[in-house]
Protein backbone atom coordinates (compact mmCIF):
# COMPACT_ATOMS: atom_id res chain seq x y z
CA UNK A 1 0.00 0.00 0.00
CA UNK A 2 1.39 3.44 -0.95
CA UNK A 3 1.99 6.01 1.81
CA UNK A 4 -0.27 9.04 1.98
CA UNK A 5 0.93 12.03 -0.03
CA UNK A 6 2.14 14.51 2.62
CA UNK A 7 3.71 16.86 0.10
CA UNK A 8 7.43 17.09 -0.61
CA UNK A 9 9.63 14.68 1.33
CA UNK A 10 10.67 16.10 4.64
CA UNK A 11 7.82 18.60 4.96
CA UNK A 12 6.21 16.71 7.83
CA UNK A 13 9.55 16.33 9.58
CA UNK A 14 10.29 20.03 9.07
CA UNK A 15 6.87 21.01 10.45
CA UNK A 16 7.39 18.77 13.50
CA UNK A 17 10.82 20.30 14.10
CA UNK A 18 9.37 23.82 13.82
CA UNK A 19 6.68 22.98 16.38
CA UNK A 20 9.27 21.42 18.70
CA UNK A 21 11.48 24.50 18.39
CA UNK A 22 8.56 26.86 19.02
CA UNK A 23 8.04 25.22 22.42
CA UNK A 24 11.70 24.91 23.46
CA UNK A 25 14.72 26.86 24.64
CA UNK A 26 12.90 29.86 26.08
CA UNK A 27 11.20 30.86 22.84
CA UNK A 28 7.69 30.94 24.37
CA UNK A 29 8.81 33.16 27.26
CA UNK A 30 10.66 35.59 24.98
CA UNK A 31 7.76 35.71 22.54
CA UNK A 32 5.36 36.38 25.40
CA UNK A 33 7.48 39.30 26.64
CA UNK A 34 7.60 40.75 23.11
CA UNK A 35 3.83 40.30 22.72
CA UNK A 36 3.11 42.08 25.99
CA UNK A 37 5.32 45.08 25.24
CA UNK A 38 4.34 45.43 21.58
CA UNK A 39 0.68 44.63 22.30
CA UNK A 40 0.42 47.33 24.96
CA UNK A 41 2.04 49.93 22.71
CA UNK A 42 -0.13 49.03 19.71
CA UNK A 43 -3.30 48.94 21.80
CA UNK A 44 -2.50 52.40 23.19
CA UNK A 45 -2.04 53.68 19.66
CA UNK A 46 -4.98 51.90 18.04
CA UNK A 47 -7.49 51.74 20.90
CA UNK A 48 -6.46 54.74 22.99
CA UNK A 49 -9.88 56.37 22.87
CA UNK A 50 -11.54 53.12 23.96
CA UNK A 51 -9.03 52.60 26.76
CA UNK A 52 -9.75 56.13 28.02
CA UNK A 53 -13.47 55.43 28.01
CA UNK A 54 -14.25 57.69 25.05
CA UNK A 55 -15.40 54.83 22.82
CA UNK A 56 -16.35 51.17 23.04
CA UNK A 57 -13.38 48.78 23.02
CA UNK A 58 -13.04 46.29 20.18
CA UNK A 59 -12.13 43.22 22.23
CA UNK A 60 -11.24 40.99 19.29
CA UNK A 61 -8.86 43.63 17.93
CA UNK A 62 -7.31 44.06 21.38
CA UNK A 63 -6.71 40.32 21.72
CA UNK A 64 -5.31 40.01 18.20
CA UNK A 65 -2.98 42.92 18.93
CA UNK A 66 -1.25 40.64 21.46
CA UNK A 67 -1.49 37.39 19.49
CA UNK A 68 0.09 38.71 16.28
CA UNK A 69 3.36 39.94 17.89
CA UNK A 70 3.62 36.60 19.74
CA UNK A 71 3.32 34.71 16.46
CA UNK A 72 5.77 37.00 14.66
CA UNK A 73 8.38 36.74 17.44
CA UNK A 74 7.98 32.95 17.57
CA UNK A 75 8.23 32.64 13.78
CA UNK A 76 11.38 34.77 13.74
CA UNK A 77 13.08 32.74 16.47
CA UNK A 78 12.12 29.38 14.96
CA UNK A 79 13.13 30.34 11.42
CA UNK A 80 16.50 31.59 12.71
CA UNK A 81 17.15 28.36 14.61
CA UNK A 82 16.10 26.21 11.66
CA UNK A 83 18.33 28.19 9.29
CA UNK A 84 21.28 27.94 11.68
CA UNK A 85 20.63 24.24 12.27
CA UNK A 86 20.55 24.60 16.04
CA UNK A 87 17.89 24.18 18.64
CA UNK A 88 16.09 21.26 20.17
CA UNK A 89 16.03 18.03 18.21
C-alpha atoms as a PDB file:
ATOM      1  CA  UNK A   1       0.000   0.000   0.000  1.00  0.00           C
ATOM      2  CA  UNK A   2       1.394   3.438  -0.952  1.00  0.00           C
ATOM      3  CA  UNK A   3       1.993   6.009   1.810  1.00  0.00           C
ATOM      4  CA  UNK A   4      -0.274   9.043   1.980  1.00  0.00           C
ATOM      5  CA  UNK A   5       0.927  12.027  -0.027  1.00  0.00           C
ATOM      6  CA  UNK A   6       2.140  14.509   2.621  1.00  0.00           C
ATOM      7  CA  UNK A   7       3.714  16.860   0.103  1.00  0.00           C
ATOM      8  CA  UNK A   8       7.426  17.090  -0.608  1.00  0.00           C
ATOM      9  CA  UNK A   9       9.632  14.675   1.331  1.00  0.00           C
ATOM     10  CA  UNK A  10      10.671  16.099   4.640  1.00  0.00           C
ATOM     11  CA  UNK A  11       7.821  18.601   4.963  1.00  0.00           C
ATOM     12  CA  UNK A  12       6.208  16.710   7.832  1.00  0.00           C
ATOM     13  CA  UNK A  13       9.550  16.328   9.585  1.00  0.00           C
ATOM     14  CA  UNK A  14      10.286  20.030   9.071  1.00  0.00           C
ATOM     15  CA  UNK A  15       6.871  21.006  10.452  1.00  0.00           C
ATOM     16  CA  UNK A  16       7.394  18.769  13.502  1.00  0.00           C
ATOM     17  CA  UNK A  17      10.815  20.302  14.097  1.00  0.00           C
ATOM     18  CA  UNK A  18       9.368  23.822  13.824  1.00  0.00           C
ATOM     19  CA  UNK A  19       6.683  22.982  16.382  1.00  0.00           C
ATOM     20  CA  UNK A  20       9.275  21.421  18.696  1.00  0.00           C
ATOM     21  CA  UNK A  21      11.482  24.501  18.389  1.00  0.00           C
ATOM     22  CA  UNK A  22       8.559  26.864  19.017  1.00  0.00           C
ATOM     23  CA  UNK A  23       8.045  25.221  22.418  1.00  0.00           C
ATOM     24  CA  UNK A  24      11.697  24.908  23.459  1.00  0.00           C
ATOM     25  CA  UNK A  25      14.719  26.858  24.645  1.00  0.00           C
ATOM     26  CA  UNK A  26      12.904  29.856  26.076  1.00  0.00           C
ATOM     27  CA  UNK A  27      11.198  30.861  22.837  1.00  0.00           C
ATOM     28  CA  UNK A  28       7.686  30.945  24.369  1.00  0.00           C
ATOM     29  CA  UNK A  29       8.809  33.164  27.257  1.00  0.00           C
ATOM     30  CA  UNK A  30      10.655  35.589  24.977  1.00  0.00           C
ATOM     31  CA  UNK A  31       7.758  35.708  22.538  1.00  0.00           C
ATOM     32  CA  UNK A  32       5.356  36.383  25.399  1.00  0.00           C
ATOM     33  CA  UNK A  33       7.478  39.303  26.635  1.00  0.00           C
ATOM     34  CA  UNK A  34       7.596  40.750  23.111  1.00  0.00           C
ATOM     35  CA  UNK A  35       3.834  40.296  22.717  1.00  0.00           C
ATOM     36  CA  UNK A  36       3.107  42.084  25.990  1.00  0.00           C
ATOM     37  CA  UNK A  37       5.323  45.081  25.243  1.00  0.00           C
ATOM     38  CA  UNK A  38       4.340  45.433  21.582  1.00  0.00           C
ATOM     39  CA  UNK A  39       0.683  44.629  22.298  1.00  0.00           C
ATOM     40  CA  UNK A  40       0.425  47.331  24.957  1.00  0.00           C
ATOM     41  CA  UNK A  41       2.041  49.932  22.708  1.00  0.00           C
ATOM     42  CA  UNK A  42      -0.133  49.034  19.712  1.00  0.00           C
ATOM     43  CA  UNK A  43      -3.303  48.944  21.801  1.00  0.00           C
ATOM     44  CA  UNK A  44      -2.505  52.396  23.191  1.00  0.00           C
ATOM     45  CA  UNK A  45      -2.041  53.677  19.657  1.00  0.00           C
ATOM     46  CA  UNK A  46      -4.985  51.897  18.037  1.00  0.00           C
ATOM     47  CA  UNK A  47      -7.486  51.743  20.904  1.00  0.00           C
ATOM     48  CA  UNK A  48      -6.461  54.738  22.995  1.00  0.00           C
ATOM     49  CA  UNK A  49      -9.883  56.369  22.869  1.00  0.00           C
ATOM     50  CA  UNK A  50     -11.542  53.115  23.956  1.00  0.00           C
ATOM     51  CA  UNK A  51      -9.033  52.599  26.757  1.00  0.00           C
ATOM     52  CA  UNK A  52      -9.752  56.126  28.020  1.00  0.00           C
ATOM     53  CA  UNK A  53     -13.471  55.429  28.014  1.00  0.00           C
ATOM     54  CA  UNK A  54     -14.253  57.688  25.052  1.00  0.00           C
ATOM     55  CA  UNK A  55     -15.398  54.825  22.821  1.00  0.00           C
ATOM     56  CA  UNK A  56     -16.346  51.171  23.035  1.00  0.00           C
ATOM     57  CA  UNK A  57     -13.375  48.785  23.020  1.00  0.00           C
ATOM     58  CA  UNK A  58     -13.037  46.292  20.184  1.00  0.00           C
ATOM     59  CA  UNK A  59     -12.125  43.219  22.232  1.00  0.00           C
ATOM     60  CA  UNK A  60     -11.236  40.986  19.288  1.00  0.00           C
ATOM     61  CA  UNK A  61      -8.856  43.632  17.933  1.00  0.00           C
ATOM     62  CA  UNK A  62      -7.314  44.060  21.377  1.00  0.00           C
ATOM     63  CA  UNK A  63      -6.714  40.323  21.719  1.00  0.00           C
ATOM     64  CA  UNK A  64      -5.311  40.013  18.197  1.00  0.00           C
ATOM     65  CA  UNK A  65      -2.977  42.915  18.926  1.00  0.00           C
ATOM     66  CA  UNK A  66      -1.246  40.644  21.458  1.00  0.00           C
ATOM     67  CA  UNK A  67      -1.487  37.391  19.490  1.00  0.00           C
ATOM     68  CA  UNK A  68       0.088  38.711  16.281  1.00  0.00           C
ATOM     69  CA  UNK A  69       3.360  39.938  17.892  1.00  0.00           C
ATOM     70  CA  UNK A  70       3.617  36.604  19.742  1.00  0.00           C
ATOM     71  CA  UNK A  71       3.318  34.707  16.457  1.00  0.00           C
ATOM     72  CA  UNK A  72       5.770  36.998  14.663  1.00  0.00           C
ATOM     73  CA  UNK A  73       8.377  36.736  17.442  1.00  0.00           C
ATOM     74  CA  UNK A  74       7.983  32.955  17.565  1.00  0.00           C
ATOM     75  CA  UNK A  75       8.233  32.639  13.783  1.00  0.00           C
ATOM     76  CA  UNK A  76      11.384  34.765  13.740  1.00  0.00           C
ATOM     77  CA  UNK A  77      13.075  32.736  16.467  1.00  0.00           C
ATOM     78  CA  UNK A  78      12.124  29.381  14.956  1.00  0.00           C
ATOM     79  CA  UNK A  79      13.133  30.345  11.423  1.00  0.00           C
ATOM     80  CA  UNK A  80      16.505  31.592  12.708  1.00  0.00           C
ATOM     81  CA  UNK A  81      17.146  28.357  14.611  1.00  0.00           C
ATOM     82  CA  UNK A  82      16.103  26.212  11.660  1.00  0.00           C
ATOM     83  CA  UNK A  83      18.328  28.189   9.293  1.00  0.00           C
ATOM     84  CA  UNK A  84      21.285  27.941  11.679  1.00  0.00           C
ATOM     85  CA  UNK A  85      20.634  24.240  12.267  1.00  0.00           C
ATOM     86  CA  UNK A  86      20.545  24.602  16.040  1.00  0.00           C
ATOM     87  CA  UNK A  87      17.887  24.184  18.642  1.00  0.00           C
ATOM     88  CA  UNK A  88      16.089  21.259  20.166  1.00  0.00           C
ATOM     89  CA  UNK A  89      16.032  18.034  18.212  1.00  0.00           C
END
